[in-house]
Amino acid sequence: MKTPFTLGLTVLNIGAALISITQALQPARADSQADILRARALQIVDDRGRVRASLTVLPATTSEAGLTTQETVLLRLITEKGRPVVKIGASEQASGVTIAGPTGTRDTYAILGADATASSLKLRSEDGREQIIKP
């Protein structure tokens, strides 16, 4: 013979199980939308865990020779073999876009830059041909 307590506990367990099942069948959704993502760097990786894109803030530096670089924001797009083929950089002093040739090339690239009050476009081919365009 079942006691009222055991019967009540069984009904409660069945109810809790039903609520749990109905919640598991609903699609997942975010309750609120984040307005800002804050980080010092961002990396996007592929299925194998290799970095394929990065967005970084590089600090200002001074070399042993006394050359200084300003703080720079750098976006890199990287091939599956690890070669950064597109770079976009920006600082207070200069900004530019570099597009490099595929893996296996060293001297095939295009650089569009603006430094202080001057700008230029440099094109170079693997065979050594080069063209620089300045206004």
C-alpha atoms as a PDB file:
ATOM      1  CA  MET A   1       0.000   0.000   0.000  1.00  0.00           C
ATOM      2  CA  LYS A   2       1.321   3.387  -1.002  1.00  0.00           C
ATOM      3  CA  THR A   3       1.334   6.212   1.443  1.00  0.00           C
ATOM      4  CA  PRO A   4       0.111   9.677   0.420  1.00  0.00           C
ATOM      5  CA  PHE A   5       3.661  10.998   0.911  1.00  0.00           C
ATOM      6  CA  THR A   6       5.159   8.468  -1.552  1.00  0.00           C
ATOM      7  CA  LEU A   7       2.392   9.108  -4.060  1.00  0.00           C
ATOM      8  CA  GLY A   8       2.882  12.900  -3.791  1.00  0.00           C
ATOM      9  CA  LEU A   9       6.638  12.544  -4.220  1.00  0.00           C
ATOM     10  CA  THR A  10       6.156  10.391  -7.333  1.00  0.00           C
ATOM     11  CA  VAL A  11       3.798  12.965  -8.874  1.00  0.00           C
ATOM     12  CA  LEU A  12       6.318  15.738  -8.121  1.00  0.00           C
ATOM     13  CA  ASN A  13       9.159  13.758  -9.770  1.00  0.00           C
ATOM     14  CA  ILE A  14       7.076  13.097 -12.880  1.00  0.00           C
ATOM     15  CA  GLY A  15       6.151  16.807 -13.092  1.00  0.00           C
ATOM     16  CA  ALA A  16       9.799  17.867 -12.729  1.00  0.00           C
ATOM     17  CA  ALA A  17      10.827  15.396 -15.426  1.00  0.00           C
ATOM     18  CA  LEU A  18       8.174  16.725 -17.834  1.00  0.00           C
ATOM     19  CA  ILE A  19       9.252  20.343 -17.262  1.00  0.00           C
ATOM     20  CA  SER A  20      12.893  19.373 -17.815  1.00  0.00           C
ATOM     21  CA  ILE A  21      12.057  17.563 -21.069  1.00  0.00           C
ATOM     22  CA  THR A  22      10.007  20.463 -22.483  1.00  0.00           C
ATOM     23  CA  GLN A  23      12.810  22.924 -21.739  1.00  0.00           C
ATOM     24  CA  ALA A  24      15.386  20.672 -23.422  1.00  0.00           C
ATOM     25  CA  LEU A  25      13.287  20.510 -26.606  1.00  0.00           C
ATOM     26  CA  GLN A  26      13.184  24.302 -27.028  1.00  0.00           C
ATOM     27  CA  PRO A  27      15.870  25.915 -29.199  1.00  0.00           C
ATOM     28  CA  ALA A  28      18.702  27.680 -27.383  1.00  0.00           C
ATOM     29  CA  ARG A  29      18.575  31.461 -27.500  1.00  0.00           C
ATOM     30  CA  ALA A  30      20.345  34.347 -25.897  1.00  0.00           C
ATOM     31  CA  ASP A  31      18.315  36.269 -23.361  1.00  0.00           C
ATOM     32  CA  SER A  32      20.019  39.549 -24.170  1.00  0.00           C
ATOM     33  CA  GLN A  33      22.282  40.884 -26.878  1.00  0.00           C
ATOM     34  CA  ALA A  34      25.761  42.042 -25.900  1.00  0.00           C
ATOM     35  CA  ASP A  35      26.434  45.588 -27.028  1.00  0.00           C
ATOM     36  CA  ILE A  36      30.251  45.474 -26.898  1.00  0.00           C
ATOM     37  CA  LEU A  37      32.938  42.814 -27.079  1.00  0.00           C
ATOM     38  CA  ARG A  38      36.063  44.059 -25.295  1.00  0.00           C
ATOM     39  CA  ALA A  39      39.411  42.300 -25.611  1.00  0.00           C
ATOM     40  CA  ARG A  40      43.082  43.068 -26.158  1.00  0.00           C
ATOM     41  CA  ALA A  41      43.217  40.778 -29.197  1.00  0.00           C
ATOM     42  CA  LEU A  42      40.912  38.621 -31.288  1.00  0.00           C
ATOM     43  CA  GLN A  43      41.787  35.420 -33.141  1.00  0.00           C
ATOM     44  CA  ILE A  44      39.632  33.375 -35.487  1.00  0.00           C
ATOM     45  CA  VAL A  45      40.695  29.745 -35.849  1.00  0.00           C
ATOM     46  CA  ASP A  46      39.758  27.013 -38.315  1.00  0.00           C
ATOM     47  CA  ASP A  47      38.564  23.468 -37.547  1.00  0.00           C
ATOM     48  CA  ARG A  48      42.149  22.379 -36.809  1.00  0.00           C
ATOM     49  CA  GLY A  49      42.781  25.196 -34.345  1.00  0.00           C
ATOM     50  CA  ARG A  50      45.069  27.184 -36.664  1.00  0.00           C
ATOM     51  CA  VAL A  51      44.796  30.959 -36.451  1.00  0.00           C
ATOM     52  CA  ARG A  52      43.303  32.217 -39.736  1.00  0.00           C
ATOM     53  CA  ALA A  53      42.636  35.832 -38.776  1.00  0.00           C
ATOM     54  CA  SER A  54      43.799  38.076 -35.966  1.00  0.00           C
ATOM     55  CA  LEU A  55      43.098  41.572 -34.759  1.00  0.00           C
ATOM     56  CA  THR A  56      45.726  42.922 -32.386  1.00  0.00           C
ATOM     57  CA  VAL A  57      46.776  46.185 -30.801  1.00  0.00           C
ATOM     58  CA  LEU A  58      50.577  46.320 -30.899  1.00  0.00           C
ATOM     59  CA  PRO A  59      52.184  48.558 -28.273  1.00  0.00           C
ATOM     60  CA  ALA A  60      54.579  51.389 -29.109  1.00  0.00           C
ATOM     61  CA  THR A  61      58.203  50.222 -29.080  1.00  0.00           C
ATOM     62  CA  THR A  62      61.718  51.613 -29.214  1.00  0.00           C
ATOM     63  CA  SER A  63      64.496  49.509 -30.739  1.00  0.00           C
ATOM     64  CA  GLU A  64      68.091  49.372 -29.516  1.00  0.00           C
ATOM     65  CA  ALA A  65      68.998  51.627 -32.455  1.00  0.00           C
ATOM     66  CA  GLY A  66      66.580  54.259 -31.143  1.00  0.00           C
ATOM     67  CA  LEU A  67      63.849  53.765 -33.764  1.00  0.00           C
ATOM     68  CA  THR A  68      60.370  54.164 -32.325  1.00  0.00           C
ATOM     69  CA  THR A  69      57.097  52.766 -33.589  1.00  0.00           C
ATOM     70  CA  GLN A  70      53.693  53.994 -32.531  1.00  0.00           C
ATOM     71  CA  GLU A  71      50.913  51.906 -31.102  1.00  0.00           C
ATOM     72  CA  THR A  72      49.304  50.130 -34.054  1.00  0.00           C
ATOM     73  CA  VAL A  73      46.111  48.196 -34.691  1.00  0.00           C
ATOM     74  CA  LEU A  74      46.830  45.270 -37.029  1.00  0.00           C
ATOM     75  CA  LEU A  75      44.382  42.966 -38.833  1.00  0.00           C
ATOM     76  CA  ARG A  76      45.893  39.853 -40.447  1.00  0.00           C
ATOM     77  CA  LEU A  77      44.194  37.330 -42.739  1.00  0.00           C
ATOM     78  CA  ILE A  78      46.192  34.098 -42.837  1.00  0.00           C
ATOM     79  CA  THR A  79      46.223  31.162 -45.293  1.00  0.00           C
ATOM     80  CA  GLU A  80      45.782  27.550 -44.243  1.00  0.00           C
ATOM     81  CA  LYS A  81      49.580  27.189 -44.418  1.00  0.00           C
ATOM     82  CA  GLY A  82      50.109  30.026 -41.949  1.00  0.00           C
ATOM     83  CA  ARG A  83      51.099  32.838 -44.325  1.00  0.00           C
ATOM     84  CA  PRO A  84      49.604  36.247 -43.510  1.00  0.00           C
ATOM     85  CA  VAL A  85      48.567  37.441 -46.980  1.00  0.00           C
ATOM     86  CA  VAL A  86      46.408  40.440 -46.110  1.00  0.00           C
ATOM     87  CA  LYS A  87      47.450  42.964 -43.476  1.00  0.00           C
ATOM     88  CA  ILE A  88      45.713  46.188 -42.580  1.00  0.00           C
ATOM     89  CA  GLY A  89      47.478  48.435 -40.107  1.00  0.00           C
ATOM     90  CA  ALA A  90      46.584  51.764 -38.561  1.00  0.00           C
ATOM     91  CA  SER A  91      48.361  54.155 -36.214  1.00  0.00           C
ATOM     92  CA  GLU A  92      48.351  57.900 -35.636  1.00  0.00           C
ATOM     93  CA  GLN A  93      51.394  58.298 -37.893  1.00  0.00           C
ATOM     94  CA  ALA A  94      50.624  55.924 -40.768  1.00  0.00           C
ATOM     95  CA  SER A  95      48.194  53.386 -42.159  1.00  0.00           C
ATOM     96  CA  GLY A  96      48.363  50.825 -44.904  1.00  0.00           C
ATOM     97  CA  VAL A  97      47.203  47.666 -46.603  1.00  0.00           C
ATOM     98  CA  THR A  98      49.559  44.905 -47.690  1.00  0.00           C
ATOM     99  CA  ILE A  99      48.507  42.058 -49.970  1.00  0.00           C
ATOM    100  CA  ALA A 100      51.106  39.303 -50.356  1.00  0.00           C
ATOM    101  CA  GLY A 101      51.377  36.559 -52.931  1.00  0.00           C
ATOM    102  CA  PRO A 102      50.582  32.929 -52.134  1.00  0.00           C
ATOM    103  CA  THR A 103      52.720  30.585 -50.060  1.00  0.00           C
ATOM    104  CA  GLY A 104      55.993  29.905 -51.818  1.00  0.00           C
ATOM    105  CA  THR A 105      56.476  33.468 -53.050  1.00  0.00           C
ATOM    106  CA  ARG A 106      58.690  36.049 -51.370  1.00  0.00           C
ATOM    107  CA  ASP A 107      58.584  39.120 -53.574  1.00  0.00           C
ATOM    108  CA  THR A 108      55.021  39.243 -54.911  1.00  0.00           C
ATOM    109  CA  TYR A 109      53.045  41.892 -53.076  1.00  0.00           C
ATOM    110  CA  ALA A 110      51.144  45.169 -53.220  1.00  0.00           C
ATOM    111  CA  ILE A 111      51.417  47.851 -50.545  1.00  0.00           C
ATOM    112  CA  LEU A 112      49.071  50.805 -50.302  1.00  0.00           C
ATOM    113  CA  GLY A 113      50.233  53.215 -47.640  1.00  0.00           C
ATOM    114  CA  ALA A 114      49.627  56.652 -46.236  1.00  0.00           C
ATOM    115  CA  ASP A 115      52.357  58.073 -44.004  1.00  0.00           C
ATOM    116  CA  ALA A 116      52.072  61.563 -42.494  1.00  0.00           C
ATOM    117  CA  THR A 117      51.211  63.679 -45.592  1.00  0.00           C
ATOM    118  CA  ALA A 118      52.302  61.281 -48.348  1.00  0.00           C
ATOM    119  CA  SER A 119      50.728  58.221 -49.916  1.00  0.00           C
ATOM    120  CA  SER A 120      51.986  55.561 -52.310  1.00  0.00           C
ATOM    121  CA  LEU A 121      51.189  52.290 -54.016  1.00  0.00           C
ATOM    122  CA  LYS A 122      54.024  49.797 -54.454  1.00  0.00           C
ATOM    123  CA  LEU A 123      53.557  46.766 -56.708  1.00  0.00           C
ATOM    124  CA  ARG A 124      56.183  44.027 -56.950  1.00  0.00           C
ATOM    125  CA  SER A 125      56.270  40.751 -58.881  1.00  0.00           C
ATOM    126  CA  GLU A 126      58.237  37.615 -58.132  1.00  0.00           C
ATOM    127  CA  ASP A 127      60.426  38.211 -61.198  1.00  0.00           C
ATOM    128  CA  GLY A 128      61.706  41.443 -59.614  1.00  0.00           C
ATOM    129  CA  ARG A 129      59.637  43.928 -61.599  1.00  0.00           C
ATOM    130  CA  GLU A 130      58.455  46.786 -59.428  1.00  0.00           C
ATOM    131  CA  GLN A 131      56.354  49.876 -59.823  1.00  0.00           C
ATOM    132  CA  ILE A 132      55.810  52.650 -57.282  1.00  0.00           C
ATOM    133  CA  ILE A 133      52.998  55.119 -57.817  1.00  0.00           C
ATOM    134  CA  LYS A 134      53.013  58.409 -55.923  1.00  0.00           C
ATOM    135  CA  PRO A 135      50.702  61.376 -56.437  1.00  0.00           C
END
